[in-house]
Amino acid sequence: MQVLPRLCIGLAFFFLCGQATAQPQVSFGKPVGVDKGESGLTPPTRDQLFRVQSEQALKERLRKELPKVKKVDFPADAPPLREMPGADLPPFPEQAISPIANQVCYRPLYFEDKHTERFGRYVPCVQPLVSAGRFFGDALLLPCRLWKAPLWTFECDNR
């Protein structure tokens, strides 16, 4: 029960002082100066965004604003990229494609209804009765099916 008084004191201190402890502000690198007229870093104003003008006026405005855009240069001291041996080869190795098998083999499913489950064939109004009848018939014939197709055998189907 020592935790509850400490928790109450901590919450009271937090609410009375405003914030717990302020983290010192960390700065990374030197700040970048941005000209007032330079576009790219500041979002457009509502008037700039929704102005109505013709296509010729847009092309003329873009032609006038193009010289104002500053060209960003890469650092001069950056080393050039090395030539890699085998760079003319394709990025992925050749892969062999095997065809999809014509038959699918699986362990026996004693209560499956292939026509309804796999092929989507059904009788609209009486399908629940047909499925229930098939299930109860399969339940009655289960010992015969276990003897005919044991659990460790496979059935193969080409559909």
N, C-alpha and C. Protein backbone atom coordinates (compact mmCIF):
# COMPACT_ATOMS: atom_id res chain seq x y z
N MET A 1 0.81 -1.20 0.00
CA MET A 1 0.00 0.00 0.00
C MET A 1 0.85 1.27 0.00
N GLN A 2 2.15 1.11 -0.15
CA GLN A 2 3.04 2.27 -0.20
C GLN A 2 2.96 2.97 -1.56
N VAL A 3 2.43 2.29 -2.55
CA VAL A 3 2.40 2.85 -3.90
C VAL A 3 1.35 3.94 -4.03
N LEU A 4 0.20 3.78 -3.38
CA LEU A 4 -0.89 4.73 -3.51
C LEU A 4 -0.52 6.13 -3.00
N PRO A 5 0.10 6.29 -1.82
CA PRO A 5 0.48 7.65 -1.41
C PRO A 5 1.51 8.28 -2.35
N ARG A 6 2.45 7.49 -2.85
CA ARG A 6 3.45 8.04 -3.77
C ARG A 6 2.79 8.49 -5.08
N LEU A 7 1.82 7.72 -5.54
CA LEU A 7 1.11 8.08 -6.75
C LEU A 7 0.33 9.37 -6.56
N CYS A 8 -0.35 9.51 -5.42
CA CYS A 8 -1.11 10.74 -5.15
C CYS A 8 -0.19 11.94 -5.05
N ILE A 9 0.96 11.79 -4.42
CA ILE A 9 1.91 12.90 -4.30
C ILE A 9 2.45 13.26 -5.68
N GLY A 10 2.76 12.26 -6.50
CA GLY A 10 3.27 12.53 -7.84
C GLY A 10 2.25 13.25 -8.70
N LEU A 11 0.98 12.83 -8.65
CA LEU A 11 -0.06 13.50 -9.42
C LEU A 11 -0.29 14.93 -8.94
N ALA A 12 -0.28 15.13 -7.63
CA ALA A 12 -0.45 16.48 -7.10
C ALA A 12 0.69 17.38 -7.54
N PHE A 13 1.92 16.88 -7.48
CA PHE A 13 3.08 17.66 -7.91
C PHE A 13 2.97 18.00 -9.39
N PHE A 14 2.53 17.03 -10.20
CA PHE A 14 2.40 17.25 -11.63
C PHE A 14 1.37 18.33 -11.93
N PHE A 15 0.20 18.27 -11.28
CA PHE A 15 -0.85 19.24 -11.56
C PHE A 15 -0.53 20.61 -10.98
N LEU A 16 0.16 20.68 -9.86
CA LEU A 16 0.50 21.97 -9.26
C LEU A 16 1.62 22.67 -10.02
N CYS A 17 2.57 21.92 -10.52
CA CYS A 17 3.72 22.52 -11.19
C CYS A 17 3.50 22.72 -12.68
N GLY A 18 2.45 22.19 -13.23
CA GLY A 18 2.20 22.37 -14.66
C GLY A 18 2.67 21.17 -15.44
N GLN A 19 3.95 21.04 -15.62
CA GLN A 19 4.52 19.89 -16.31
C GLN A 19 5.56 19.27 -15.40
N ALA A 20 5.86 18.02 -15.67
CA ALA A 20 6.81 17.33 -14.80
C ALA A 20 8.19 17.95 -14.96
N THR A 21 8.97 17.58 -15.89
CA THR A 21 10.27 18.19 -16.14
C THR A 21 10.37 18.47 -17.62
N ALA A 22 10.84 19.62 -17.98
CA ALA A 22 10.97 20.00 -19.38
C ALA A 22 12.27 19.46 -19.93
N GLN A 23 12.24 18.92 -21.12
CA GLN A 23 13.43 18.41 -21.77
C GLN A 23 14.15 19.58 -22.45
N PRO A 24 15.48 19.62 -22.39
CA PRO A 24 16.18 20.68 -23.11
C PRO A 24 16.01 20.50 -24.61
N GLN A 25 15.90 21.63 -25.31
CA GLN A 25 15.69 21.58 -26.75
C GLN A 25 17.00 21.21 -27.45
N VAL A 26 16.91 20.24 -28.34
CA VAL A 26 18.08 19.77 -29.05
C VAL A 26 18.00 20.28 -30.48
N SER A 27 19.12 20.82 -30.98
CA SER A 27 19.13 21.29 -32.36
C SER A 27 20.09 20.42 -33.16
N PHE A 28 19.74 20.16 -34.39
CA PHE A 28 20.54 19.33 -35.26
C PHE A 28 21.04 20.17 -36.42
N GLY A 29 22.33 20.21 -36.62
CA GLY A 29 22.90 20.93 -37.75
C GLY A 29 22.70 22.43 -37.63
N LYS A 30 23.04 23.15 -38.68
CA LYS A 30 22.82 24.58 -38.66
C LYS A 30 21.52 24.90 -39.39
N PRO A 31 20.81 25.94 -38.97
CA PRO A 31 19.53 26.27 -39.59
C PRO A 31 19.73 26.72 -41.04
N VAL A 32 18.75 26.44 -41.85
CA VAL A 32 18.79 26.80 -43.26
C VAL A 32 18.01 28.08 -43.45
N GLY A 33 18.62 29.05 -44.11
CA GLY A 33 17.94 30.31 -44.38
C GLY A 33 17.07 30.19 -45.62
N VAL A 34 15.86 30.72 -45.54
CA VAL A 34 14.92 30.65 -46.65
C VAL A 34 14.52 32.07 -47.01
N ASP A 35 14.62 32.38 -48.31
CA ASP A 35 14.18 33.69 -48.77
C ASP A 35 12.67 33.78 -48.68
N LYS A 36 12.18 35.00 -48.52
CA LYS A 36 10.74 35.22 -48.39
C LYS A 36 10.00 34.83 -49.67
N GLY A 37 10.57 35.11 -50.82
CA GLY A 37 9.89 34.84 -52.08
C GLY A 37 10.12 33.43 -52.60
N GLU A 38 10.98 32.66 -51.93
CA GLU A 38 11.29 31.32 -52.44
C GLU A 38 10.13 30.38 -52.16
N SER A 39 9.73 29.66 -53.19
CA SER A 39 8.62 28.73 -53.01
C SER A 39 9.18 27.34 -52.78
N GLY A 40 8.34 26.45 -52.30
CA GLY A 40 8.76 25.08 -52.10
C GLY A 40 8.67 24.66 -50.65
N LEU A 41 9.07 25.53 -49.73
CA LEU A 41 9.04 25.17 -48.33
C LEU A 41 7.79 25.68 -47.63
N THR A 42 7.21 26.74 -48.15
CA THR A 42 6.00 27.27 -47.53
C THR A 42 4.80 26.82 -48.35
N PRO A 43 3.73 26.43 -47.68
CA PRO A 43 2.55 26.01 -48.43
C PRO A 43 1.90 27.21 -49.11
N PRO A 44 1.20 26.99 -50.22
CA PRO A 44 0.56 28.11 -50.91
C PRO A 44 -0.60 28.66 -50.09
N THR A 45 -0.87 29.94 -50.28
CA THR A 45 -1.99 30.56 -49.59
C THR A 45 -3.29 30.13 -50.25
N ARG A 46 -4.39 30.47 -49.61
CA ARG A 46 -5.70 30.09 -50.16
C ARG A 46 -5.94 30.78 -51.51
N ASP A 47 -5.51 32.04 -51.64
CA ASP A 47 -5.69 32.75 -52.91
C ASP A 47 -4.86 32.12 -54.02
N GLN A 48 -3.62 31.71 -53.70
CA GLN A 48 -2.78 31.07 -54.71
C GLN A 48 -3.33 29.71 -55.12
N LEU A 49 -3.91 29.02 -54.17
CA LEU A 49 -4.39 27.67 -54.43
C LEU A 49 -5.65 27.66 -55.28
N PHE A 50 -6.54 28.61 -55.04
CA PHE A 50 -7.84 28.59 -55.71
C PHE A 50 -8.00 29.71 -56.73
N ARG A 51 -6.91 30.21 -57.30
CA ARG A 51 -7.04 31.27 -58.29
C ARG A 51 -7.55 30.70 -59.61
N VAL A 52 -8.36 31.50 -60.29
CA VAL A 52 -8.93 31.09 -61.57
C VAL A 52 -8.19 31.84 -62.66
N GLN A 53 -7.61 31.08 -63.60
CA GLN A 53 -6.89 31.71 -64.71
C GLN A 53 -6.92 30.78 -65.91
N SER A 54 -6.67 31.35 -67.05
CA SER A 54 -6.68 30.55 -68.27
C SER A 54 -5.37 29.77 -68.39
N GLU A 55 -5.35 28.85 -69.34
CA GLU A 55 -4.15 28.04 -69.51
C GLU A 55 -2.98 28.88 -70.03
N GLN A 56 -3.29 29.87 -70.89
CA GLN A 56 -2.22 30.74 -71.38
C GLN A 56 -1.64 31.57 -70.24
N ALA A 57 -2.51 32.05 -69.34
CA ALA A 57 -2.01 32.83 -68.20
C ALA A 57 -1.18 31.95 -67.28
N LEU A 58 -1.57 30.69 -67.10
CA LEU A 58 -0.79 29.77 -66.27
C LEU A 58 0.59 29.54 -66.87
N LYS A 59 0.64 29.31 -68.18
CA LYS A 59 1.94 29.09 -68.82
C LYS A 59 2.83 30.33 -68.72
N GLU A 60 2.24 31.50 -68.88
CA GLU A 60 3.01 32.75 -68.77
C GLU A 60 3.52 32.95 -67.35
N ARG A 61 2.67 32.64 -66.34
CA ARG A 61 3.09 32.79 -64.94
C ARG A 61 4.22 31.80 -64.61
N LEU A 62 4.11 30.57 -65.10
CA LEU A 62 5.17 29.59 -64.86
C LEU A 62 6.47 30.00 -65.55
N ARG A 63 6.38 30.58 -66.75
CA ARG A 63 7.57 31.04 -67.45
C ARG A 63 8.25 32.18 -66.69
N LYS A 64 7.46 33.05 -66.07
CA LYS A 64 8.05 34.16 -65.30
C LYS A 64 8.64 33.68 -63.98
N GLU A 65 8.00 32.68 -63.33
CA GLU A 65 8.46 32.22 -62.03
C GLU A 65 9.63 31.25 -62.13
N LEU A 66 9.87 30.66 -63.30
CA LEU A 66 10.93 29.68 -63.44
C LEU A 66 12.31 30.23 -63.11
N PRO A 67 12.69 31.45 -63.56
CA PRO A 67 14.02 31.94 -63.19
C PRO A 67 14.18 32.19 -61.69
N LYS A 68 13.10 32.35 -60.94
CA LYS A 68 13.20 32.60 -59.51
C LYS A 68 13.55 31.33 -58.72
N VAL A 69 13.31 30.18 -59.31
CA VAL A 69 13.57 28.93 -58.60
C VAL A 69 15.08 28.70 -58.54
N LYS A 70 15.57 28.50 -57.32
CA LYS A 70 17.00 28.28 -57.15
C LYS A 70 17.35 26.84 -57.49
N LYS A 71 18.49 26.67 -58.12
CA LYS A 71 18.95 25.34 -58.46
C LYS A 71 19.75 24.80 -57.27
N VAL A 72 19.42 23.61 -56.84
CA VAL A 72 20.11 23.00 -55.71
C VAL A 72 21.25 22.16 -56.25
N ASP A 73 22.47 22.46 -55.79
CA ASP A 73 23.65 21.72 -56.23
C ASP A 73 24.03 20.69 -55.18
N PHE A 74 24.58 19.59 -55.65
CA PHE A 74 25.11 18.59 -54.73
C PHE A 74 26.47 19.06 -54.23
N PRO A 75 26.87 18.59 -53.07
CA PRO A 75 28.18 19.01 -52.55
C PRO A 75 29.31 18.64 -53.51
N ALA A 76 30.27 19.54 -53.63
CA ALA A 76 31.38 19.32 -54.55
C ALA A 76 32.33 18.24 -54.05
N ASP A 77 32.37 18.02 -52.74
CA ASP A 77 33.31 17.06 -52.18
C ASP A 77 32.75 15.63 -52.15
N ALA A 78 31.58 15.42 -52.71
CA ALA A 78 31.00 14.07 -52.73
C ALA A 78 31.76 13.20 -53.72
N PRO A 79 32.21 12.02 -53.30
CA PRO A 79 32.97 11.17 -54.22
C PRO A 79 32.03 10.55 -55.26
N PRO A 80 32.53 10.33 -56.47
CA PRO A 80 31.67 9.70 -57.49
C PRO A 80 31.43 8.23 -57.12
N LEU A 81 30.37 7.69 -57.66
CA LEU A 81 30.04 6.29 -57.40
C LEU A 81 31.04 5.38 -58.10
N ARG A 82 31.36 4.26 -57.43
CA ARG A 82 32.30 3.30 -58.00
C ARG A 82 31.59 2.45 -59.06
N GLU A 83 32.37 2.04 -60.03
CA GLU A 83 31.85 1.10 -61.03
C GLU A 83 31.84 -0.29 -60.42
N MET A 84 30.72 -0.95 -60.52
CA MET A 84 30.62 -2.30 -59.96
C MET A 84 30.80 -3.32 -61.07
N PRO A 85 31.55 -4.38 -60.81
CA PRO A 85 31.68 -5.41 -61.85
C PRO A 85 30.36 -6.13 -62.04
N GLY A 86 30.01 -6.36 -63.27
CA GLY A 86 28.75 -7.04 -63.58
C GLY A 86 27.55 -6.12 -63.49
N ALA A 87 27.76 -4.81 -63.62
CA ALA A 87 26.64 -3.88 -63.52
C ALA A 87 25.70 -3.97 -64.72
N ASP A 88 26.20 -4.55 -65.82
CA ASP A 88 25.36 -4.67 -67.00
C ASP A 88 24.42 -5.87 -66.93
N LEU A 89 24.56 -6.71 -65.89
CA LEU A 89 23.67 -7.86 -65.74
C LEU A 89 22.31 -7.41 -65.21
N PRO A 90 21.27 -8.17 -65.47
CA PRO A 90 19.95 -7.81 -64.92
C PRO A 90 19.97 -7.92 -63.40
N PRO A 91 19.11 -7.17 -62.71
CA PRO A 91 19.16 -7.15 -61.24
C PRO A 91 18.71 -8.45 -60.58
N PHE A 92 17.97 -9.30 -61.29
CA PHE A 92 17.49 -10.54 -60.70
C PHE A 92 18.00 -11.72 -61.51
N PRO A 93 18.34 -12.82 -60.85
CA PRO A 93 18.80 -13.99 -61.60
C PRO A 93 17.65 -14.64 -62.35
N GLU A 94 18.01 -15.44 -63.34
CA GLU A 94 16.98 -16.14 -64.10
C GLU A 94 16.28 -17.14 -63.19
N GLN A 95 15.00 -17.28 -63.39
CA GLN A 95 14.23 -18.20 -62.56
C GLN A 95 13.49 -19.18 -63.46
N ALA A 96 13.42 -20.42 -63.01
CA ALA A 96 12.70 -21.45 -63.75
C ALA A 96 11.25 -21.46 -63.29
N ILE A 97 10.35 -21.58 -64.23
CA ILE A 97 8.93 -21.62 -63.91
C ILE A 97 8.45 -23.05 -64.10
N SER A 98 7.84 -23.59 -63.07
CA SER A 98 7.28 -24.93 -63.19
C SER A 98 5.78 -24.82 -63.38
N PRO A 99 5.21 -25.65 -64.25
CA PRO A 99 3.77 -25.57 -64.49
C PRO A 99 2.98 -26.04 -63.27
N ILE A 100 1.76 -25.58 -63.18
CA ILE A 100 0.88 -25.99 -62.10
C ILE A 100 0.48 -27.44 -62.32
N ALA A 101 0.46 -28.20 -61.25
CA ALA A 101 0.15 -29.62 -61.35
C ALA A 101 -1.27 -29.82 -61.87
N ASN A 102 -1.43 -30.86 -62.67
CA ASN A 102 -2.74 -31.16 -63.23
C ASN A 102 -3.62 -31.85 -62.21
N GLN A 103 -3.02 -32.54 -61.25
CA GLN A 103 -3.78 -33.24 -60.23
C GLN A 103 -3.48 -32.68 -58.86
N VAL A 104 -4.46 -32.73 -58.00
CA VAL A 104 -4.29 -32.33 -56.61
C VAL A 104 -4.56 -33.56 -55.76
N CYS A 105 -3.60 -33.92 -54.91
CA CYS A 105 -3.75 -35.09 -54.04
C CYS A 105 -3.94 -34.61 -52.61
N TYR A 106 -4.84 -35.26 -51.90
CA TYR A 106 -5.16 -34.87 -50.53
C TYR A 106 -5.62 -36.10 -49.77
N ARG A 107 -5.63 -35.98 -48.45
CA ARG A 107 -6.12 -37.08 -47.62
C ARG A 107 -7.64 -37.12 -47.74
N PRO A 108 -8.26 -38.28 -47.49
CA PRO A 108 -9.71 -38.39 -47.70
C PRO A 108 -10.50 -37.47 -46.77
N LEU A 109 -11.46 -36.80 -47.35
CA LEU A 109 -12.39 -35.96 -46.60
C LEU A 109 -13.71 -36.70 -46.57
N TYR A 110 -14.05 -37.24 -45.43
CA TYR A 110 -15.18 -38.16 -45.36
C TYR A 110 -16.53 -37.46 -45.41
N PHE A 111 -16.59 -36.18 -45.11
CA PHE A 111 -17.88 -35.48 -45.08
C PHE A 111 -17.92 -34.34 -46.09
N GLU A 112 -17.20 -34.44 -47.19
CA GLU A 112 -17.19 -33.34 -48.15
C GLU A 112 -18.34 -33.48 -49.14
N ASP A 113 -18.77 -32.34 -49.64
CA ASP A 113 -19.79 -32.29 -50.68
C ASP A 113 -19.17 -31.51 -51.83
N LYS A 114 -18.50 -32.22 -52.74
CA LYS A 114 -17.72 -31.57 -53.79
C LYS A 114 -18.56 -30.64 -54.65
N HIS A 115 -19.75 -31.08 -55.00
CA HIS A 115 -20.55 -30.28 -55.93
C HIS A 115 -20.94 -28.94 -55.31
N THR A 116 -21.28 -28.92 -54.04
CA THR A 116 -21.69 -27.67 -53.40
C THR A 116 -20.49 -26.84 -52.98
N GLU A 117 -19.51 -27.46 -52.33
CA GLU A 117 -18.39 -26.72 -51.75
C GLU A 117 -17.40 -26.23 -52.79
N ARG A 118 -17.07 -27.06 -53.76
CA ARG A 118 -16.04 -26.68 -54.73
C ARG A 118 -16.59 -26.03 -55.98
N PHE A 119 -17.67 -26.57 -56.49
CA PHE A 119 -18.15 -26.13 -57.79
C PHE A 119 -19.33 -25.18 -57.71
N GLY A 120 -19.89 -24.98 -56.52
CA GLY A 120 -20.97 -24.02 -56.35
C GLY A 120 -22.31 -24.47 -56.88
N ARG A 121 -22.50 -25.75 -57.09
CA ARG A 121 -23.79 -26.24 -57.57
C ARG A 121 -24.71 -26.46 -56.39
N TYR A 122 -25.90 -25.92 -56.46
CA TYR A 122 -26.86 -26.08 -55.37
C TYR A 122 -28.28 -26.03 -55.91
N VAL A 123 -29.19 -26.53 -55.10
CA VAL A 123 -30.62 -26.49 -55.42
C VAL A 123 -31.20 -25.38 -54.55
N PRO A 124 -31.72 -24.30 -55.12
CA PRO A 124 -32.03 -23.09 -54.36
C PRO A 124 -32.89 -23.28 -53.11
N CYS A 125 -34.00 -23.94 -53.17
CA CYS A 125 -34.90 -23.96 -52.02
C CYS A 125 -34.63 -25.12 -51.06
N VAL A 126 -34.18 -26.23 -51.57
CA VAL A 126 -34.05 -27.42 -50.73
C VAL A 126 -32.60 -27.78 -50.43
N GLN A 127 -31.65 -26.87 -50.68
CA GLN A 127 -30.24 -27.19 -50.45
C GLN A 127 -29.94 -27.54 -49.00
N PRO A 128 -30.51 -26.86 -48.00
CA PRO A 128 -30.24 -27.29 -46.62
C PRO A 128 -30.67 -28.74 -46.36
N LEU A 129 -31.80 -29.13 -46.91
CA LEU A 129 -32.25 -30.52 -46.73
C LEU A 129 -31.33 -31.50 -47.45
N VAL A 130 -30.88 -31.14 -48.65
CA VAL A 130 -29.98 -32.01 -49.40
C VAL A 130 -28.65 -32.16 -48.66
N SER A 131 -28.11 -31.05 -48.14
CA SER A 131 -26.83 -31.10 -47.41
C SER A 131 -26.97 -31.90 -46.13
N ALA A 132 -28.07 -31.71 -45.40
CA ALA A 132 -28.28 -32.47 -44.16
C ALA A 132 -28.42 -33.95 -44.47
N GLY A 133 -29.17 -34.30 -45.51
CA GLY A 133 -29.32 -35.70 -45.88
C GLY A 133 -28.00 -36.33 -46.28
N ARG A 134 -27.17 -35.58 -47.03
CA ARG A 134 -25.86 -36.09 -47.42
C ARG A 134 -24.97 -36.30 -46.20
N PHE A 135 -25.02 -35.37 -45.22
CA PHE A 135 -24.21 -35.50 -44.02
C PHE A 135 -24.62 -36.73 -43.22
N PHE A 136 -25.91 -36.91 -42.98
CA PHE A 136 -26.34 -38.06 -42.19
C PHE A 136 -26.07 -39.37 -42.93
N GLY A 137 -26.19 -39.36 -44.24
CA GLY A 137 -25.83 -40.55 -45.02
C GLY A 137 -24.34 -40.85 -44.91
N ASP A 138 -23.50 -39.80 -44.96
CA ASP A 138 -22.05 -39.99 -44.80
C ASP A 138 -21.72 -40.49 -43.40
N ALA A 139 -22.47 -40.00 -42.38
CA ALA A 139 -22.23 -40.46 -41.01
C ALA A 139 -22.56 -41.94 -40.88
N LEU A 140 -23.61 -42.39 -41.54
CA LEU A 140 -23.96 -43.82 -41.48
C LEU A 140 -22.93 -44.68 -42.22
N LEU A 141 -22.40 -44.16 -43.31
CA LEU A 141 -21.45 -44.92 -44.12
C LEU A 141 -19.99 -44.70 -43.71
N LEU A 142 -19.73 -43.97 -42.62
CA LEU A 142 -18.36 -43.66 -42.22
C LEU A 142 -17.52 -44.92 -41.97
N PRO A 143 -18.01 -45.95 -41.25
CA PRO A 143 -17.16 -47.15 -41.07
C PRO A 143 -16.77 -47.81 -42.39
N CYS A 144 -17.70 -47.84 -43.34
CA CYS A 144 -17.37 -48.42 -44.65
C CYS A 144 -16.32 -47.58 -45.37
N ARG A 145 -16.43 -46.27 -45.28
CA ARG A 145 -15.47 -45.39 -45.95
C ARG A 145 -14.09 -45.47 -45.30
N LEU A 146 -14.05 -45.61 -43.95
CA LEU A 146 -12.77 -45.77 -43.28
C LEU A 146 -12.09 -47.07 -43.72
N TRP A 147 -12.86 -48.12 -43.95
CA TRP A 147 -12.28 -49.38 -44.40
C TRP A 147 -11.84 -49.29 -45.86
N LYS A 148 -12.63 -48.58 -46.68
CA LYS A 148 -12.33 -48.46 -48.11
C LYS A 148 -11.14 -47.53 -48.36
N ALA A 149 -11.11 -46.36 -47.68
CA ALA A 149 -10.03 -45.38 -47.85
C ALA A 149 -9.50 -45.01 -46.47
N PRO A 150 -8.46 -45.72 -45.98
CA PRO A 150 -7.93 -45.42 -44.64
C PRO A 150 -7.35 -44.01 -44.57
N LEU A 151 -7.08 -43.55 -43.34
CA LEU A 151 -6.61 -42.18 -43.12
C LEU A 151 -5.26 -41.90 -43.78
N TRP A 152 -4.41 -42.91 -43.95
CA TRP A 152 -3.06 -42.69 -44.45
C TRP A 152 -2.97 -42.72 -45.98
N THR A 153 -4.07 -42.92 -46.65
CA THR A 153 -4.05 -42.92 -48.12
C THR A 153 -4.36 -41.53 -48.66
N PHE A 154 -4.08 -41.34 -49.93
CA PHE A 154 -4.35 -40.07 -50.60
C PHE A 154 -5.39 -40.28 -51.69
N GLU A 155 -6.19 -39.26 -51.90
CA GLU A 155 -7.10 -39.22 -53.04
C GLU A 155 -6.58 -38.16 -53.99
N CYS A 156 -6.65 -38.44 -55.28
CA CYS A 156 -6.18 -37.48 -56.27
C CYS A 156 -7.35 -37.06 -57.15
N ASP A 157 -7.41 -35.76 -57.41
CA ASP A 157 -8.50 -35.21 -58.21
C ASP A 157 -7.88 -34.29 -59.25
N ASN A 158 -8.37 -34.35 -60.46
CA ASN A 158 -7.79 -33.51 -61.51
C ASN A 158 -8.64 -32.29 -61.82
N ARG A 159 -9.53 -31.90 -60.93
CA ARG A 159 -10.34 -30.71 -61.15
C ARG A 159 -9.92 -29.61 -60.24
